[in-house]
Amino acid sequence: SELIYYPDVVPCEDITEADAEAPEFLETLPPETTVKEGDAVLLFCIMKGVPTPHVVWLYNQLIVEESAMCSLKHDGPLCSLRLLKEHDAGSYRVFAINSEGSAESTASLLVAHRGE
C-alpha cells in the first residue's frame, strides 16, 4: 500500500502566529558609559521576542563583527558586546529583529583619556 503524505497534517514544530511576538527590550543598553582608555567595556541588554530575535550591533552605523578586539554573545534573552582594550568613543546600537518586527537600543560610549 502506498503512503500518501499530507504535509499540512504533519505536526509542525513552528511557532504558531498566535505565539509570535515582536522583540522588546526588558533591559536596554546604558544610555551613556564612560570608560578609561585601555579598559575593557561590556555593554549588555536583555530582550524577548518569539521567534528568538536575531541580533545586529552597529557602531556609528557600521555593523560590528566578532574579532580579537570585540566579542559578541547572544545567550537566550541576554546579549552583550565586549570590547577589549582598543575602543573608540561613539554610538553603539543593538537591533533585535524577528518576523514580527524589531526593537533597538543605543549606548553612547565616552572614553576618558588617562591623565585628564
PDB file of N, CA and C in Angstrom:
ATOM      1  N   SER A   1       0.844  -1.194   0.000  1.00  0.00           N
ATOM      2  CA  SER A   1       0.000   0.000   0.000  1.00  0.00           C
ATOM      3  C   SER A   1       0.878   1.242   0.000  1.00  0.00           C
ATOM      4  N   GLU A   2       0.425   2.228  -0.705  1.00  0.00           N
ATOM      5  CA  GLU A   2       1.220   3.445  -0.872  1.00  0.00           C
ATOM      6  C   GLU A   2       0.846   4.454   0.215  1.00  0.00           C
ATOM      7  N   LEU A   3       1.870   5.002   0.868  1.00  0.00           N
ATOM      8  CA  LEU A   3       1.608   6.017   1.899  1.00  0.00           C
ATOM      9  C   LEU A   3       1.476   7.367   1.228  1.00  0.00           C
ATOM     10  N   ILE A   4       0.390   8.029   1.503  1.00  0.00           N
ATOM     11  CA  ILE A   4       0.233   9.373   0.946  1.00  0.00           C
ATOM     12  C   ILE A   4       0.598  10.367   2.030  1.00  0.00           C
ATOM     13  N   TYR A   5       1.442  11.296   1.682  1.00  0.00           N
ATOM     14  CA  TYR A   5       1.996  12.223   2.655  1.00  0.00           C
ATOM     15  C   TYR A   5       1.291  13.566   2.530  1.00  0.00           C
ATOM     16  N   TYR A   6       0.580  13.947   3.548  1.00  0.00           N
ATOM     17  CA  TYR A   6      -0.078  15.256   3.542  1.00  0.00           C
ATOM     18  C   TYR A   6       0.731  16.209   4.406  1.00  0.00           C
ATOM     19  N   PRO A   7       1.474  17.117   3.832  1.00  0.00           N
ATOM     20  CA  PRO A   7       2.332  17.966   4.658  1.00  0.00           C
ATOM     21  C   PRO A   7       1.557  18.778   5.694  1.00  0.00           C
ATOM     22  N   ASP A   8       0.299  19.119   5.395  1.00  0.00           N
ATOM     23  CA  ASP A   8      -0.397  20.002   6.332  1.00  0.00           C
ATOM     24  C   ASP A   8      -0.934  19.292   7.575  1.00  0.00           C
ATOM     25  N   VAL A   9      -0.853  17.967   7.630  1.00  0.00           N
ATOM     26  CA  VAL A   9      -1.308  17.291   8.848  1.00  0.00           C
ATOM     27  C   VAL A   9      -0.137  16.783   9.695  1.00  0.00           C
ATOM     28  N   VAL A  10       1.063  17.020   9.225  1.00  0.00           N
ATOM     29  CA  VAL A  10       2.237  16.623   9.999  1.00  0.00           C
ATOM     30  C   VAL A  10       2.380  17.623  11.158  1.00  0.00           C
ATOM     31  N   PRO A  11       2.608  17.112  12.390  1.00  0.00           N
ATOM     32  CA  PRO A  11       2.762  18.074  13.493  1.00  0.00           C
ATOM     33  C   PRO A  11       3.934  19.010  13.185  1.00  0.00           C
ATOM     34  N   CYS A  12       3.679  20.239  13.364  1.00  0.00           N
ATOM     35  CA  CYS A  12       4.642  21.230  12.917  1.00  0.00           C
ATOM     36  C   CYS A  12       5.325  21.851  14.135  1.00  0.00           C
ATOM     37  N   GLU A  13       6.645  21.911  14.115  1.00  0.00           N
ATOM     38  CA  GLU A  13       7.406  22.474  15.229  1.00  0.00           C
ATOM     39  C   GLU A  13       7.355  24.002  15.226  1.00  0.00           C
ATOM     40  N   ASP A  14       6.943  24.554  14.124  1.00  0.00           N
ATOM     41  CA  ASP A  14       6.973  26.008  14.022  1.00  0.00           C
ATOM     42  C   ASP A  14       6.064  26.671  15.041  1.00  0.00           C
ATOM     43  N   ILE A  15       6.438  27.865  15.413  1.00  0.00           N
ATOM     44  CA  ILE A  15       5.632  28.634  16.355  1.00  0.00           C
ATOM     45  C   ILE A  15       4.405  29.134  15.608  1.00  0.00           C
ATOM     46  N   THR A  16       3.241  28.979  16.200  1.00  0.00           N
ATOM     47  CA  THR A  16       2.046  29.469  15.528  1.00  0.00           C
ATOM     48  C   THR A  16       2.028  30.994  15.616  1.00  0.00           C
ATOM     49  N   GLU A  17       1.369  31.610  14.684  1.00  0.00           N
ATOM     50  CA  GLU A  17       1.297  33.077  14.636  1.00  0.00           C
ATOM     51  C   GLU A  17       0.850  33.671  15.978  1.00  0.00           C
ATOM     52  N   ALA A  18      -0.046  32.959  16.651  1.00  0.00           N
ATOM     53  CA  ALA A  18      -0.621  33.479  17.896  1.00  0.00           C
ATOM     54  C   ALA A  18       0.448  33.675  18.980  1.00  0.00           C
ATOM     55  N   ASP A  19       1.478  32.816  18.951  1.00  0.00           N
ATOM     56  CA  ASP A  19       2.519  32.896  19.978  1.00  0.00           C
ATOM     57  C   ASP A  19       3.606  33.902  19.632  1.00  0.00           C
ATOM     58  N   ALA A  20       3.661  34.311  18.386  1.00  0.00           N
ATOM     59  CA  ALA A  20       4.758  35.179  17.958  1.00  0.00           C
ATOM     60  C   ALA A  20       4.622  36.556  18.590  1.00  0.00           C
ATOM     61  N   GLU A  21       5.756  37.119  18.981  1.00  0.00           N
ATOM     62  CA  GLU A  21       5.718  38.495  19.475  1.00  0.00           C
ATOM     63  C   GLU A  21       6.963  39.254  19.058  1.00  0.00           C
ATOM     64  N   ALA A  22       6.747  40.509  18.739  1.00  0.00           N
ATOM     65  CA  ALA A  22       7.843  41.362  18.280  1.00  0.00           C
ATOM     66  C   ALA A  22       8.883  41.517  19.393  1.00  0.00           C
ATOM     67  N   PRO A  23      10.145  41.751  19.014  1.00  0.00           N
ATOM     68  CA  PRO A  23      11.182  41.912  20.022  1.00  0.00           C
ATOM     69  C   PRO A  23      10.907  43.108  20.930  1.00  0.00           C
ATOM     70  N   GLU A  24      11.358  42.973  22.161  1.00  0.00           N
ATOM     71  CA  GLU A  24      11.181  44.050  23.132  1.00  0.00           C
ATOM     72  C   GLU A  24      12.353  43.962  24.100  1.00  0.00           C
ATOM     73  N   PHE A  25      12.879  45.108  24.514  1.00  0.00           N
ATOM     74  CA  PHE A  25      13.980  45.090  25.479  1.00  0.00           C
ATOM     75  C   PHE A  25      13.422  45.126  26.894  1.00  0.00           C
ATOM     76  N   LEU A  26      13.812  44.150  27.699  1.00  0.00           N
ATOM     77  CA  LEU A  26      13.433  44.146  29.116  1.00  0.00           C
ATOM     78  C   LEU A  26      14.430  45.014  29.875  1.00  0.00           C
ATOM     79  N   GLU A  27      15.662  45.014  29.380  1.00  0.00           N
ATOM     80  CA  GLU A  27      16.667  45.911  29.926  1.00  0.00           C
ATOM     81  C   GLU A  27      17.454  46.461  28.744  1.00  0.00           C
ATOM     82  N   THR A  28      17.457  47.776  28.606  1.00  0.00           N
ATOM     83  CA  THR A  28      18.125  48.392  27.456  1.00  0.00           C
ATOM     84  C   THR A  28      19.601  48.628  27.780  1.00  0.00           C
ATOM     85  N   LEU A  29      20.334  49.034  26.766  1.00  0.00           N
ATOM     86  CA  LEU A  29      21.740  49.388  26.977  1.00  0.00           C
ATOM     87  C   LEU A  29      21.805  50.633  27.870  1.00  0.00           C
ATOM     88  N   PRO A  30      22.904  50.807  28.626  1.00  0.00           N
ATOM     89  CA  PRO A  30      23.035  52.042  29.404  1.00  0.00           C
ATOM     90  C   PRO A  30      23.162  53.212  28.424  1.00  0.00           C
ATOM     91  N   PRO A  31      22.405  54.306  28.626  1.00  0.00           N
ATOM     92  CA  PRO A  31      22.410  55.385  27.635  1.00  0.00           C
ATOM     93  C   PRO A  31      23.804  55.977  27.431  1.00  0.00           C
ATOM     94  N   GLU A  32      24.568  56.070  28.522  1.00  0.00           N
ATOM     95  CA  GLU A  32      25.896  56.659  28.385  1.00  0.00           C
ATOM     96  C   GLU A  32      26.863  55.931  29.301  1.00  0.00           C
ATOM     97  N   THR A  33      27.992  55.532  28.748  1.00  0.00           N
ATOM     98  CA  THR A  33      29.006  54.829  29.528  1.00  0.00           C
ATOM     99  C   THR A  33      30.334  55.523  29.318  1.00  0.00           C
ATOM    100  N   THR A  34      31.016  55.829  30.421  1.00  0.00           N
ATOM    101  CA  THR A  34      32.355  56.404  30.309  1.00  0.00           C
ATOM    102  C   THR A  34      33.359  55.366  30.769  1.00  0.00           C
ATOM    103  N   VAL A  35      34.359  55.122  29.955  1.00  0.00           N
ATOM    104  CA  VAL A  35      35.388  54.154  30.327  1.00  0.00           C
ATOM    105  C   VAL A  35      36.747  54.825  30.236  1.00  0.00           C
ATOM    106  N   LYS A  36      37.673  54.278  30.981  1.00  0.00           N
ATOM    107  CA  LYS A  36      39.046  54.778  30.881  1.00  0.00           C
ATOM    108  C   LYS A  36      39.712  54.123  29.686  1.00  0.00           C
ATOM    109  N   GLU A  37      40.576  54.868  29.066  1.00  0.00           N
ATOM    110  CA  GLU A  37      41.332  54.371  27.926  1.00  0.00           C
ATOM    111  C   GLU A  37      42.030  53.072  28.332  1.00  0.00           C
ATOM    112  N   GLY A  38      41.889  52.040  27.519  1.00  0.00           N
ATOM    113  CA  GLY A  38      42.582  50.790  27.812  1.00  0.00           C
ATOM    114  C   GLY A  38      41.782  49.810  28.654  1.00  0.00           C
ATOM    115  N   ASP A  39      40.647  50.249  29.223  1.00  0.00           N
ATOM    116  CA  ASP A  39      39.824  49.317  29.995  1.00  0.00           C
ATOM    117  C   ASP A  39      38.886  48.547  29.067  1.00  0.00           C
ATOM    118  N   ALA A  40      38.545  47.327  29.479  1.00  0.00           N
ATOM    119  CA  ALA A  40      37.562  46.566  28.710  1.00  0.00           C
ATOM    120  C   ALA A  40      36.175  47.162  28.960  1.00  0.00           C
ATOM    121  N   VAL A  41      35.319  47.030  27.993  1.00  0.00           N
ATOM    122  CA  VAL A  41      33.959  47.566  28.092  1.00  0.00           C
ATOM    123  C   VAL A  41      32.980  46.426  27.869  1.00  0.00           C
ATOM    124  N   LEU A  42      31.945  46.378  28.694  1.00  0.00           N
ATOM    125  CA  LEU A  42      30.898  45.394  28.469  1.00  0.00           C
ATOM    126  C   LEU A  42      29.570  46.134  28.365  1.00  0.00           C
ATOM    127  N   LEU A  43      28.918  45.995  27.226  1.00  0.00           N
ATOM    128  CA  LEU A  43      27.573  46.556  27.056  1.00  0.00           C
ATOM    129  C   LEU A  43      26.630  45.366  26.959  1.00  0.00           C
ATOM    130  N   PHE A  44      25.551  45.395  27.714  1.00  0.00           N
ATOM    131  CA  PHE A  44      24.624  44.279  27.560  1.00  0.00           C
ATOM    132  C   PHE A  44      23.180  44.746  27.675  1.00  0.00           C
ATOM    133  N   CYS A  45      22.299  43.926  27.127  1.00  0.00           N
ATOM    134  CA  CYS A  45      20.870  44.201  27.234  1.00  0.00           C
ATOM    135  C   CYS A  45      20.150  42.869  27.328  1.00  0.00           C
ATOM    136  N   ILE A  46      18.911  42.940  27.771  1.00  0.00           N
ATOM    137  CA  ILE A  46      18.080  41.750  27.900  1.00  0.00           C
ATOM    138  C   ILE A  46      16.832  41.979  27.065  1.00  0.00           C
ATOM    139  N   MET A  47      16.522  40.988  26.243  1.00  0.00           N
ATOM    140  CA  MET A  47      15.392  41.186  25.337  1.00  0.00           C
ATOM    141  C   MET A  47      14.537  39.945  25.294  1.00  0.00           C
ATOM    142  N   LYS A  48      13.346  40.109  24.727  1.00  0.00           N
ATOM    143  CA  LYS A  48      12.497  38.948  24.498  1.00  0.00           C
ATOM    144  C   LYS A  48      11.852  39.098  23.133  1.00  0.00           C
ATOM    145  N   GLY A  49      11.317  37.997  22.656  1.00  0.00           N
ATOM    146  CA  GLY A  49      10.657  38.004  21.348  1.00  0.00           C
ATOM    147  C   GLY A  49      10.483  36.566  20.902  1.00  0.00           C
ATOM    148  N   VAL A  50       9.427  36.299  20.150  1.00  0.00           N
ATOM    149  CA  VAL A  50       9.162  34.959  19.622  1.00  0.00           C
ATOM    150  C   VAL A  50       8.835  35.114  18.144  1.00  0.00           C
ATOM    151  N   PRO A  51       9.526  34.426  17.243  1.00  0.00           N
ATOM    152  CA  PRO A  51      10.704  33.597  17.461  1.00  0.00           C
ATOM    153  C   PRO A  51      11.895  34.408  18.016  1.00  0.00           C
ATOM    154  N   THR A  52      12.901  33.692  18.554  1.00  0.00           N
ATOM    155  CA  THR A  52      14.070  34.355  19.146  1.00  0.00           C
ATOM    156  C   THR A  52      14.640  35.381  18.174  1.00  0.00           C
ATOM    157  N   PRO A  53      14.761  36.633  18.625  1.00  0.00           N
ATOM    158  CA  PRO A  53      15.251  37.659  17.706  1.00  0.00           C
ATOM    159  C   PRO A  53      16.695  37.443  17.268  1.00  0.00           C
ATOM    160  N   HIS A  54      16.956  37.897  16.067  1.00  0.00           N
ATOM    161  CA  HIS A  54      18.302  37.934  15.505  1.00  0.00           C
ATOM    162  C   HIS A  54      18.887  39.266  15.982  1.00  0.00           C
ATOM    163  N   VAL A  55      20.155  39.280  16.358  1.00  0.00           N
ATOM    164  CA  VAL A  55      20.750  40.485  16.939  1.00  0.00           C
ATOM    165  C   VAL A  55      21.809  41.064  16.015  1.00  0.00           C
ATOM    166  N   VAL A  56      21.741  42.362  15.801  1.00  0.00           N
ATOM    167  CA  VAL A  56      22.749  43.052  14.994  1.00  0.00           C
ATOM    168  C   VAL A  56      23.256  44.246  15.799  1.00  0.00           C
ATOM    169  N   TRP A  57      24.569  44.366  15.901  1.00  0.00           N
ATOM    170  CA  TRP A  57      25.183  45.521  16.570  1.00  0.00           C
ATOM    171  C   TRP A  57      25.752  46.466  15.531  1.00  0.00           C
ATOM    172  N   LEU A  58      25.573  47.768  15.769  1.00  0.00           N
ATOM    173  CA  LEU A  58      26.164  48.781  14.887  1.00  0.00           C
ATOM    174  C   LEU A  58      27.009  49.730  15.723  1.00  0.00           C
ATOM    175  N   TYR A  59      28.140  50.117  15.171  1.00  0.00           N
ATOM    176  CA  TYR A  59      28.961  51.155  15.790  1.00  0.00           C
ATOM    177  C   TYR A  59      29.041  52.295  14.781  1.00  0.00           C
ATOM    178  N   ASN A  60      28.511  53.457  15.147  1.00  0.00           N
ATOM    179  CA  ASN A  60      28.461  54.591  14.208  1.00  0.00           C
ATOM    180  C   ASN A  60      27.995  54.143  12.817  1.00  0.00           C
ATOM    181  N   GLN A  61      26.894  53.438  12.773  1.00  0.00           N
ATOM    182  CA  GLN A  61      26.253  52.974  11.521  1.00  0.00           C
ATOM    183  C   GLN A  61      26.944  51.777  10.844  1.00  0.00           C
ATOM    184  N   LEU A  62      28.096  51.339  11.366  1.00  0.00           N
ATOM    185  CA  LEU A  62      28.774  50.197  10.741  1.00  0.00           C
ATOM    186  C   LEU A  62      28.473  48.929  11.540  1.00  0.00           C
ATOM    187  N   ILE A  63      28.288  47.829  10.830  1.00  0.00           N
ATOM    188  CA  ILE A  63      28.000  46.571  11.518  1.00  0.00           C
ATOM    189  C   ILE A  63      29.242  46.104  12.274  1.00  0.00           C
ATOM    190  N   VAL A  64      29.042  45.706  13.514  1.00  0.00           N
ATOM    191  CA  VAL A  64      30.141  45.232  14.352  1.00  0.00           C
ATOM    192  C   VAL A  64      30.310  43.732  14.133  1.00  0.00           C
ATOM    193  N   GLU A  65      31.520  43.332  13.806  1.00  0.00           N
ATOM    194  CA  GLU A  65      31.823  41.914  13.604  1.00  0.00           C
ATOM    195  C   GLU A  65      32.596  41.396  14.817  1.00  0.00           C
ATOM    196  N   GLU A  66      32.433  40.125  15.081  1.00  0.00           N
ATOM    197  CA  GLU A  66      33.232  39.451  16.112  1.00  0.00           C
ATOM    198  C   GLU A  66      34.699  39.520  15.679  1.00  0.00           C
ATOM    199  N   SER A  67      35.586  39.870  16.598  1.00  0.00           N
ATOM    200  CA  SER A  67      37.008  39.940  16.250  1.00  0.00           C
ATOM    201  C   SER A  67      37.838  39.702  17.500  1.00  0.00           C
ATOM    202  N   ALA A  68      39.150  39.774  17.353  1.00  0.00           N
ATOM    203  CA  ALA A  68      40.034  39.605  18.509  1.00  0.00           C
ATOM    204  C   ALA A  68      39.781  40.708  19.532  1.00  0.00           C
ATOM    205  N   MET A  69      39.325  41.862  19.063  1.00  0.00           N
ATOM    206  CA  MET A  69      39.114  43.005  19.947  1.00  0.00           C
ATOM    207  C   MET A  69      37.677  43.117  20.460  1.00  0.00           C
ATOM    208  N   CYS A  70      36.788  42.344  19.856  1.00  0.00           N
ATOM    209  CA  CYS A  70      35.370  42.526  20.160  1.00  0.00           C
ATOM    210  C   CYS A  70      34.681  41.170  20.225  1.00  0.00           C
ATOM    211  N   SER A  71      34.044  40.904  21.357  1.00  0.00           N
ATOM    212  CA  SER A  71      33.369  39.619  21.498  1.00  0.00           C
ATOM    213  C   SER A  71      31.864  39.851  21.632  1.00  0.00           C
ATOM    214  N   LEU A  72      31.096  39.185  20.796  1.00  0.00           N
ATOM    215  CA  LEU A  72      29.638  39.319  20.808  1.00  0.00           C
ATOM    216  C   LEU A  72      29.043  38.034  21.363  1.00  0.00           C
ATOM    217  N   LYS A  73      28.121  38.182  22.294  1.00  0.00           N
ATOM    218  CA  LYS A  73      27.454  36.989  22.831  1.00  0.00           C
ATOM    219  C   LYS A  73      25.958  37.178  22.731  1.00  0.00           C
ATOM    220  N   HIS A  74      25.276  36.073  22.435  1.00  0.00           N
ATOM    221  CA  HIS A  74      23.817  36.094  22.416  1.00  0.00           C
ATOM    222  C   HIS A  74      23.379  34.789  23.050  1.00  0.00           C
ATOM    223  N   ASP A  75      22.987  34.872  24.309  1.00  0.00           N
ATOM    224  CA  ASP A  75      22.670  33.675  25.065  1.00  0.00           C
ATOM    225  C   ASP A  75      21.245  33.801  25.582  1.00  0.00           C
ATOM    226  N   GLY A  76      20.292  33.229  24.863  1.00  0.00           N
ATOM    227  CA  GLY A  76      18.888  33.380  25.256  1.00  0.00           C
ATOM    228  C   GLY A  76      18.518  34.851  25.241  1.00  0.00           C
ATOM    229  N   PRO A  77      17.950  35.373  26.334  1.00  0.00           N
ATOM    230  CA  PRO A  77      17.492  36.761  26.340  1.00  0.00           C
ATOM    231  C   PRO A  77      18.630  37.777  26.505  1.00  0.00           C
ATOM    232  N   LEU A  78      19.802  37.288  26.937  1.00  0.00           N
ATOM    233  CA  LEU A  78      20.905  38.198  27.215  1.00  0.00           C
ATOM    234  C   LEU A  78      21.769  38.363  25.981  1.00  0.00           C
ATOM    235  N   CYS A  79      22.047  39.598  25.611  1.00  0.00           N
ATOM    236  CA  CYS A  79      23.020  39.752  24.536  1.00  0.00           C
ATOM    237  C   CYS A  79      23.998  40.848  24.915  1.00  0.00           C
ATOM    238  N   SER A  80      25.266  40.595  24.601  1.00  0.00           N
ATOM    239  CA  SER A  80      26.301  41.509  25.059  1.00  0.00           C
ATOM    240  C   SER A  80      27.367  41.738  24.012  1.00  0.00           C
ATOM    241  N   LEU A  81      28.036  42.850  24.187  1.00  0.00           N
ATOM    242  CA  LEU A  81      29.141  43.246  23.325  1.00  0.00           C
ATOM    243  C   LEU A  81      30.279  43.585  24.278  1.00  0.00           C
ATOM    244  N   ARG A  82      31.408  42.914  24.098  1.00  0.00           N
ATOM    245  CA  ARG A  82      32.564  43.167  24.952  1.00  0.00           C
ATOM    246  C   ARG A  82      33.700  43.704  24.091  1.00  0.00           C
ATOM    247  N   LEU A  83      34.194  44.849  24.466  1.00  0.00           N
ATOM    248  CA  LEU A  83      35.311  45.460  23.747  1.00  0.00           C
ATOM    249  C   LEU A  83      36.556  45.331  24.608  1.00  0.00           C
ATOM    250  N   LEU A  84      37.608  44.826  24.025  1.00  0.00           N
ATOM    251  CA  LEU A  84      38.839  44.621  24.771  1.00  0.00           C
ATOM    252  C   LEU A  84      39.837  45.717  24.432  1.00  0.00           C
ATOM    253  N   LYS A  85      40.222  46.441  25.418  1.00  0.00           N
ATOM    254  CA  LYS A  85      41.280  47.453  25.329  1.00  0.00           C
ATOM    255  C   LYS A  85      41.088  48.508  24.254  1.00  0.00           C
ATOM    256  N   GLU A  86      41.308  48.155  22.991  1.00  0.00           N
ATOM    257  CA  GLU A  86      41.225  49.192  21.951  1.00  0.00           C
ATOM    258  C   GLU A  86      39.769  49.509  21.656  1.00  0.00           C
ATOM    259  N   HIS A  87      39.345  50.696  21.952  1.00  0.00           N
ATOM    260  CA  HIS A  87      37.976  51.051  21.570  1.00  0.00           C
ATOM    261  C   HIS A  87      37.885  52.549  21.384  1.00  0.00           C
ATOM    262  N   ASP A  88      36.894  52.938  20.655  1.00  0.00           N
ATOM    263  CA  ASP A  88      36.698  54.344  20.340  1.00  0.00           C
ATOM    264  C   ASP A  88      35.379  54.800  20.913  1.00  0.00           C
ATOM    265  N   ALA A  89      35.360  56.077  21.263  1.00  0.00           N
ATOM    266  CA  ALA A  89      34.101  56.677  21.690  1.00  0.00           C
ATOM    267  C   ALA A  89      33.156  56.668  20.492  1.00  0.00           C
ATOM    268  N   GLY A  90      31.886  56.658  20.774  1.00  0.00           N
ATOM    269  CA  GLY A  90      30.919  56.688  19.682  1.00  0.00           C
ATOM    270  C   GLY A  90      29.613  56.074  20.115  1.00  0.00           C
ATOM    271  N   SER A  91      28.772  55.822  19.139  1.00  0.00           N
ATOM    272  CA  SER A  91      27.435  55.345  19.413  1.00  0.00           C
ATOM    273  C   SER A  91      27.330  53.867  19.041  1.00  0.00           C
ATOM    274  N   TYR A  92      26.925  53.061  20.003  1.00  0.00           N
ATOM    275  CA  TYR A  92      26.688  51.641  19.748  1.00  0.00           C
ATOM    276  C   TYR A  92      25.193  51.403  19.776  1.00  0.00           C
ATOM    277  N   ARG A  93      24.698  50.713  18.751  1.00  0.00           N
ATOM    278  CA  ARG A  93      23.270  50.401  18.712  1.00  0.00           C
ATOM    279  C   ARG A  93      23.096  48.906  18.556  1.00  0.00           C
ATOM    280  N   VAL A  94      22.108  48.380  19.255  1.00  0.00           N
ATOM    281  CA  VAL A  94      21.795  46.968  19.087  1.00  0.00           C
ATOM    282  C   VAL A  94      20.370  46.872  18.544  1.00  0.00           C
ATOM    283  N   PHE A  95      20.201  46.034  17.543  1.00  0.00           N
ATOM    284  CA  PHE A  95      18.885  45.778  16.960  1.00  0.00           C
ATOM    285  C   PHE A  95      18.500  44.335  17.241  1.00  0.00           C
ATOM    286  N   ALA A  96      17.282  44.124  17.664  1.00  0.00           N
ATOM    287  CA  ALA A  96      16.725  42.779  17.818  1.00  0.00           C
ATOM    288  C   ALA A  96      15.628  42.670  16.770  1.00  0.00           C
ATOM    289  N   ILE A  97      15.735  41.669  15.910  1.00  0.00           N
ATOM    290  CA  ILE A  97      14.826  41.581  14.757  1.00  0.00           C
ATOM    291  C   ILE A  97      14.241  40.167  14.669  1.00  0.00           C
ATOM    292  N   ASN A  98      12.944  40.082  14.499  1.00  0.00           N
ATOM    293  CA  ASN A  98      12.348  38.789  14.132  1.00  0.00           C
ATOM    294  C   ASN A  98      11.226  39.033  13.131  1.00  0.00           C
ATOM    295  N   SER A  99      10.492  37.979  12.813  1.00  0.00           N
ATOM    296  CA  SER A  99       9.472  38.090  11.769  1.00  0.00           C
ATOM    297  C   SER A  99       8.355  39.070  12.140  1.00  0.00           C
ATOM    298  N   GLU A 100       8.232  39.389  13.429  1.00  0.00           N
ATOM    299  CA  GLU A 100       7.143  40.263  13.874  1.00  0.00           C
ATOM    300  C   GLU A 100       7.530  41.741  13.927  1.00  0.00           C
ATOM    301  N   GLY A 101       8.832  42.020  13.872  1.00  0.00           N
ATOM    302  CA  GLY A 101       9.238  43.425  13.952  1.00  0.00           C
ATOM    303  C   GLY A 101      10.645  43.552  14.485  1.00  0.00           C
ATOM    304  N   SER A 102      10.965  44.752  14.976  1.00  0.00           N
ATOM    305  CA  SER A 102      12.303  44.946  15.506  1.00  0.00           C
ATOM    306  C   SER A 102      12.271  45.960  16.639  1.00  0.00           C
ATOM    307  N   ALA A 103      13.327  45.929  17.454  1.00  0.00           N
ATOM    308  CA  ALA A 103      13.481  46.895  18.533  1.00  0.00           C
ATOM    309  C   ALA A 103      14.940  47.317  18.516  1.00  0.00           C
ATOM    310  N   GLU A 104      15.218  48.509  19.036  1.00  0.00           N
ATOM    311  CA  GLU A 104      16.611  48.918  19.078  1.00  0.00           C
ATOM    312  C   GLU A 104      16.905  49.650  20.371  1.00  0.00           C
ATOM    313  N   SER A 105      18.180  49.625  20.750  1.00  0.00           N
ATOM    314  CA  SER A 105      18.629  50.316  21.946  1.00  0.00           C
ATOM    315  C   SER A 105      19.993  50.911  21.631  1.00  0.00           C
ATOM    316  N   THR A 106      20.267  52.096  22.163  1.00  0.00           N
ATOM    317  CA  THR A 106      21.507  52.803  21.837  1.00  0.00           C
ATOM    318  C   THR A 106      22.299  53.129  23.093  1.00  0.00           C
ATOM    319  N   ALA A 107      23.610  52.999  22.996  1.00  0.00           N
ATOM    320  CA  ALA A 107      24.505  53.396  24.079  1.00  0.00           C
ATOM    321  C   ALA A 107      25.559  54.333  23.517  1.00  0.00           C
ATOM    322  N   SER A 108      25.854  55.408  24.251  1.00  0.00           N
ATOM    323  CA  SER A 108      26.963  56.283  23.862  1.00  0.00           C
ATOM    324  C   SER A 108      28.155  55.919  24.716  1.00  0.00           C
ATOM    325  N   LEU A 109      29.272  55.702  24.060  1.00  0.00           N
ATOM    326  CA  LEU A 109      30.486  55.355  24.772  1.00  0.00           C
ATOM    327  C   LEU A 109      31.426  56.558  24.763  1.00  0.00           C
ATOM    328  N   LEU A 110      31.846  56.960  25.959  1.00  0.00           N
ATOM    329  CA  LEU A 110      32.788  58.065  26.092  1.00  0.00           C
ATOM    330  C   LEU A 110      34.077  57.485  26.649  1.00  0.00           C
ATOM    331  N   VAL A 111      35.201  57.920  26.102  1.00  0.00           N
ATOM    332  CA  VAL A 111      36.485  57.407  26.571  1.00  0.00           C
ATOM    333  C   VAL A 111      37.234  58.516  27.269  1.00  0.00           C
ATOM    334  N   ALA A 112      37.555  58.274  28.556  1.00  0.00           N
ATOM    335  CA  ALA A 112      38.319  59.257  29.320  1.00  0.00           C
ATOM    336  C   ALA A 112      39.802  58.915  29.150  1.00  0.00           C
ATOM    337  N   HIS A 113      40.565  59.831  28.592  1.00  0.00           N
ATOM    338  CA  HIS A 113      41.980  59.567  28.390  1.00  0.00           C
ATOM    339  C   HIS A 113      42.706  59.656  29.715  1.00  0.00           C
ATOM    340  N   ARG A 114      43.647  58.787  29.896  1.00  0.00           N
ATOM    341  CA  ARG A 114      44.392  58.751  31.150  1.00  0.00           C
ATOM    342  C   ARG A 114      45.125  60.072  31.347  1.00  0.00           C
ATOM    343  N   GLY A 115      45.149  60.493  32.610  1.00  0.00           N
ATOM    344  CA  GLY A 115      45.881  61.723  32.909  1.00  0.00           C
ATOM    345  C   GLY A 115      45.056  62.985  32.712  1.00  0.00           C
ATOM    346  N   GLU A 116      43.766  62.809  32.336  1.00  0.00           N
ATOM    347  CA  GLU A 116      42.925  64.008  32.173  1.00  0.00           C
ATOM    348  C   GLU A 116      42.140  64.261  33.443  1.00  0.00           C
TER     349      GLU A 116
END
